[in-house]
Amino acid sequence: GYGSSAEFHKSYTGYESLSEQEKFIVIYPQGYKLETALANSSSHWNSGAWTVGSNVDDVDFIKTIIEIISNQNSIDQNRIYSTGMSNGGFMSYHLACKLSSKIAAVVSVTGSMSPETLSECKPSHPTPILQIHGLQDYTVPYSGLSYMESIPTVIDYWSEFNSCDSNPEKLILDNFDAGYVINIDEYKNCTNDVNVKLILHSSMGHTWPSVSSLGISASAEVWNFVSQFDLNGKIN
């Protein structure tokens, strides 16, 4: 997240036990500080919106990280994924647009796409997309702001790009005792059998949800989603 750290992201996502169980490598890259006329922060991802003016090449940074890890480990080059919270979600979409040849699927938690990312987006393959968002998120609102796209706009873009069914399959998970509802929209029959999915939580704010707090584990949802796909689409 903007102004946050890789170490803090590691602390609340808890990917380590999941990666040991499922045998995947998890990397926590650290964003660089931002010093522009518009903003000043200890860390950011250069993905447009309020980070306009940054001269950090984060796409090349992530590409370099992939190269370093590939040189040190035997990894499946067709199964490299990106996910992040907030500004990290913006960056994950940015990578899906700008580093598409390397990124098989992305998940954004409380993030969106900047107008700059959307206008310059040129993915090289059908791309599976999962967005996890809360209706009580006022930092990255569901309805968007002048410098960030609305979540419906983001979902529409990817479902159309992937040539999915225009109408999603809908699932509603009611938890009235806890005071929330989770709506799940899945766009199916996409090219290469990829998937575009929105998990929308009625009481979730700008946070990384866990089962104990909001009845859903973002970390588990991330892996359950991306692990279905590689660069060629759905894994049979």
Protein backbone atom coordinates (compact mmCIF):
# COMPACT_ATOMS: atom_id res chain seq x y z
CA GLY A 1 0.00 0.00 0.00
CA TYR A 2 0.95 3.63 -0.55
CA GLY A 3 3.24 4.81 2.23
CA SER A 4 3.41 1.30 3.66
CA SER A 5 6.14 -1.33 3.46
CA ALA A 6 6.85 -4.81 2.15
CA GLU A 7 7.50 -5.92 5.71
CA PHE A 8 4.09 -4.76 6.91
CA HIS A 9 2.38 -6.37 3.91
CA LYS A 10 4.12 -9.61 4.80
CA SER A 11 2.86 -9.38 8.38
CA TYR A 12 -0.85 -9.25 7.57
CA THR A 13 -1.06 -11.40 4.42
CA GLY A 14 0.50 -14.47 6.04
CA TYR A 15 1.48 -16.06 2.74
CA GLU A 16 4.36 -18.07 4.22
CA SER A 17 2.34 -21.01 5.53
CA LEU A 18 0.27 -21.06 2.36
CA SER A 19 3.37 -21.00 0.15
CA GLU A 20 4.90 -23.89 2.12
CA GLN A 21 1.73 -25.90 1.72
CA GLU A 22 1.15 -25.11 -1.96
CA LYS A 23 4.82 -24.94 -3.01
CA PHE A 24 5.01 -21.48 -4.50
CA ILE A 25 7.56 -18.70 -4.03
CA VAL A 26 6.27 -15.44 -2.57
CA ILE A 27 8.18 -12.18 -3.08
CA TYR A 28 7.53 -8.91 -1.25
CA PRO A 29 9.03 -6.05 -3.30
CA GLN A 30 9.56 -2.70 -1.58
CA GLY A 31 8.36 0.45 -3.30
CA TYR A 32 10.60 3.52 -3.39
CA LYS A 33 9.89 6.85 -1.71
CA LEU A 34 7.87 9.45 -3.59
CA GLU A 35 8.88 13.10 -3.78
CA THR A 36 6.84 15.09 -6.29
CA ALA A 37 4.91 18.32 -6.43
CA LEU A 38 1.69 16.39 -5.86
CA ALA A 39 2.71 13.98 -3.12
CA ASN A 40 5.43 13.02 -0.67
CA SER A 41 5.60 9.57 0.84
CA SER A 42 7.97 6.97 2.25
CA SER A 43 6.95 4.53 -0.48
CA HIS A 44 4.83 4.23 -3.62
CA TRP A 45 4.26 2.33 -6.84
CA ASN A 46 4.49 4.45 -9.98
CA SER A 47 1.15 3.58 -11.57
CA GLY A 48 -0.36 6.93 -12.49
CA ALA A 49 -3.13 8.70 -10.52
CA TRP A 50 -1.61 10.61 -7.57
CA THR A 51 1.86 9.18 -8.33
CA VAL A 52 2.07 11.13 -11.61
CA GLY A 53 5.40 12.92 -11.63
CA SER A 54 7.36 10.00 -10.22
CA ASN A 55 10.39 9.06 -12.30
CA VAL A 56 10.69 5.55 -10.80
CA ASP A 57 10.47 2.76 -13.39
CA ASP A 58 8.61 0.19 -11.32
CA VAL A 59 7.78 -1.98 -14.33
CA ASP A 60 11.49 -2.47 -14.99
CA PHE A 61 12.02 -2.99 -11.24
CA ILE A 62 9.52 -5.87 -11.15
CA LYS A 63 10.94 -7.29 -14.38
CA THR A 64 14.39 -7.25 -12.79
CA ILE A 65 13.09 -8.98 -9.65
CA ILE A 66 11.60 -11.72 -11.82
CA GLU A 67 14.94 -12.15 -13.59
CA ILE A 68 16.84 -12.35 -10.29
CA ILE A 69 14.47 -14.93 -8.81
CA SER A 70 14.52 -16.91 -12.05
CA ASN A 71 18.32 -17.05 -11.96
CA GLN A 72 18.29 -18.26 -8.34
CA ASN A 73 15.41 -20.74 -8.53
CA SER A 74 13.74 -23.10 -10.94
CA ILE A 75 10.34 -21.50 -11.47
CA ASP A 76 7.50 -21.91 -13.94
CA GLN A 77 7.79 -18.83 -16.17
CA ASN A 78 4.17 -19.31 -17.22
CA ARG A 79 2.87 -19.00 -13.66
CA ILE A 80 4.04 -15.62 -12.34
CA TYR A 81 1.34 -13.58 -10.62
CA SER A 82 0.99 -10.13 -9.06
CA THR A 83 -1.25 -9.01 -6.23
CA GLY A 84 -1.31 -6.08 -3.87
CA MET A 85 -3.36 -3.84 -1.63
CA SER A 86 -4.41 -0.32 -2.58
CA ASN A 87 -1.48 1.25 -4.50
CA GLY A 88 -0.17 -2.33 -4.81
CA GLY A 89 -3.44 -3.26 -6.50
CA PHE A 90 -3.03 -0.32 -8.87
CA MET A 91 0.48 -1.58 -9.62
CA SER A 92 -0.74 -5.12 -10.24
CA TYR A 93 -3.13 -3.81 -12.90
CA HIS A 94 -0.28 -1.69 -14.27
CA LEU A 95 1.84 -4.84 -14.64
CA ALA A 96 -1.02 -6.67 -16.34
CA CYS A 97 -1.00 -3.84 -18.89
CA LYS A 98 2.73 -3.09 -19.14
CA LEU A 99 4.45 -6.41 -18.35
CA SER A 100 1.81 -8.73 -19.71
CA SER A 101 4.28 -11.17 -21.28
CA LYS A 102 5.47 -12.09 -17.77
CA ILE A 103 2.30 -11.82 -15.66
CA ALA A 104 -0.25 -14.64 -15.91
CA ALA A 105 -2.94 -13.24 -13.58
CA VAL A 106 -3.46 -10.42 -11.09
CA VAL A 107 -5.50 -9.72 -7.98
CA SER A 108 -6.23 -6.26 -6.62
CA VAL A 109 -7.39 -5.83 -3.04
CA THR A 110 -8.81 -2.33 -2.42
CA GLY A 111 -6.99 -1.05 -5.51
CA SER A 112 -8.17 0.15 -8.90
CA MET A 113 -6.72 1.38 -12.20
CA SER A 114 -5.48 4.89 -12.80
CA PRO A 115 -6.73 6.69 -15.92
CA GLU A 116 -3.14 6.58 -17.21
CA THR A 117 -2.90 2.81 -16.80
CA LEU A 118 -6.29 2.25 -18.44
CA SER A 119 -5.61 4.52 -21.42
CA GLU A 120 -2.23 2.88 -22.11
CA CYS A 121 -3.24 -0.72 -21.35
CA LYS A 122 -2.08 -3.18 -24.00
CA PRO A 123 -2.11 -6.73 -22.58
CA SER A 124 -0.58 -9.40 -24.82
CA HIS A 125 -2.86 -12.23 -23.69
CA PRO A 126 -6.25 -12.85 -22.06
CA THR A 127 -5.68 -12.03 -18.40
CA PRO A 128 -7.51 -13.47 -15.36
CA ILE A 129 -8.57 -10.71 -12.98
CA LEU A 130 -9.84 -10.77 -9.39
CA GLN A 131 -10.90 -7.60 -7.60
CA ILE A 132 -11.68 -7.70 -3.85
CA HIS A 133 -13.34 -4.50 -2.68
CA GLY A 134 -15.49 -3.02 0.06
CA LEU A 135 -18.42 -0.66 -0.24
CA GLN A 136 -17.15 1.19 2.86
CA ASP A 137 -13.79 1.94 1.24
CA TYR A 138 -13.51 5.74 1.07
CA THR A 139 -9.81 5.80 0.17
CA VAL A 140 -10.35 3.98 -3.11
CA PRO A 141 -14.12 4.33 -3.51
CA TYR A 142 -16.12 1.72 -5.43
CA SER A 143 -17.55 4.55 -7.56
CA GLY A 144 -14.07 5.98 -8.29
CA LEU A 145 -12.60 9.47 -8.19
CA SER A 146 -11.31 11.87 -10.83
CA TYR A 147 -7.87 10.26 -10.64
CA MET A 148 -8.91 6.61 -10.24
CA GLU A 149 -11.35 4.50 -12.22
CA SER A 150 -14.50 3.10 -10.65
CA ILE A 151 -14.51 -0.61 -9.91
CA PRO A 152 -17.34 -1.24 -12.43
CA THR A 153 -15.23 0.49 -15.10
CA VAL A 154 -12.26 -1.74 -14.28
CA ILE A 155 -14.35 -4.92 -14.33
CA ASP A 156 -16.04 -3.86 -17.59
CA TYR A 157 -12.67 -3.22 -19.23
CA TRP A 158 -11.24 -6.63 -18.37
CA SER A 159 -14.40 -8.60 -19.07
CA GLU A 160 -14.65 -6.95 -22.49
CA PHE A 161 -10.94 -7.35 -23.22
CA ASN A 162 -11.17 -11.05 -22.35
CA SER A 163 -14.38 -11.44 -24.42
CA CYS A 164 -16.30 -12.83 -21.45
CA ASP A 165 -20.06 -13.19 -21.18
CA SER A 166 -21.56 -9.75 -20.77
CA ASN A 167 -23.63 -10.82 -17.76
CA PRO A 168 -21.85 -12.34 -14.76
CA GLU A 169 -22.87 -15.34 -12.72
CA LYS A 170 -23.93 -13.97 -9.34
CA LEU A 171 -23.53 -15.43 -5.87
CA ILE A 172 -24.72 -13.73 -2.69
CA LEU A 173 -23.30 -14.80 0.67
CA ASP A 174 -25.54 -13.45 3.43
CA ASN A 175 -24.22 -13.05 6.94
CA PHE A 176 -26.92 -10.95 8.52
CA ASP A 177 -25.91 -11.92 12.06
CA ALA A 178 -22.54 -10.24 11.47
CA GLY A 179 -24.16 -7.42 9.55
CA TYR A 180 -22.74 -7.88 6.06
CA VAL A 181 -23.33 -9.36 2.64
CA ILE A 182 -20.69 -10.53 0.16
CA ASN A 183 -21.64 -10.28 -3.51
CA ILE A 184 -19.58 -12.29 -6.00
CA ASP A 185 -19.77 -11.61 -9.74
CA GLU A 186 -17.98 -14.00 -12.07
CA TYR A 187 -17.62 -13.32 -15.78
CA LYS A 188 -17.16 -16.63 -17.56
CA ASN A 189 -16.74 -18.11 -21.04
CA CYS A 190 -13.81 -15.79 -21.64
CA THR A 191 -11.03 -16.33 -24.18
CA ASN A 192 -8.65 -19.14 -23.11
CA ASP A 193 -11.16 -19.93 -20.35
CA VAL A 194 -9.82 -17.13 -18.14
CA ASN A 195 -12.05 -15.54 -15.55
CA VAL A 196 -12.91 -12.04 -14.33
CA LYS A 197 -14.24 -11.97 -10.78
CA LEU A 198 -15.41 -9.30 -8.35
CA ILE A 199 -15.83 -9.96 -4.63
CA LEU A 200 -17.72 -7.00 -3.17
CA HIS A 201 -18.14 -6.80 0.61
CA SER A 202 -20.90 -4.59 2.03
CA SER A 203 -19.12 -3.58 5.25
CA MET A 204 -15.45 -3.78 4.26
CA GLY A 205 -13.38 -0.61 4.28
CA HIS A 206 -9.85 0.04 3.06
CA THR A 207 -8.30 -3.09 4.52
CA TRP A 208 -6.95 -6.57 3.76
CA PRO A 209 -9.82 -8.80 4.93
CA SER A 210 -9.41 -11.91 7.07
CA VAL A 211 -11.90 -14.58 8.06
CA SER A 212 -11.90 -13.41 11.68
CA SER A 213 -12.67 -9.80 10.79
CA LEU A 214 -14.82 -9.92 7.67
CA GLY A 215 -15.56 -13.57 6.96
CA ILE A 216 -13.21 -13.77 3.99
CA SER A 217 -9.47 -14.32 3.65
CA ALA A 218 -8.01 -12.20 0.88
CA SER A 219 -4.80 -14.25 0.94
CA ALA A 220 -6.65 -17.53 0.43
CA GLU A 221 -8.83 -15.98 -2.28
CA VAL A 222 -5.72 -14.72 -4.07
CA TRP A 223 -4.09 -18.14 -4.27
CA ASN A 224 -7.31 -20.03 -5.01
CA PHE A 225 -7.87 -17.71 -7.96
CA VAL A 226 -4.45 -17.27 -9.56
CA SER A 227 -3.43 -20.93 -9.16
CA GLN A 228 -6.04 -21.91 -11.75
CA PHE A 229 -4.23 -20.09 -14.55
CA ASP A 230 -1.00 -19.70 -16.47
CA LEU A 231 -0.03 -17.42 -19.37
CA ASN A 232 -2.09 -19.59 -21.71
CA GLY A 233 -5.26 -19.37 -19.65
CA LYS A 234 -7.03 -21.98 -17.53
CA ILE A 235 -4.82 -24.89 -16.52
CA ASN A 236 -6.46 -28.16 -17.46
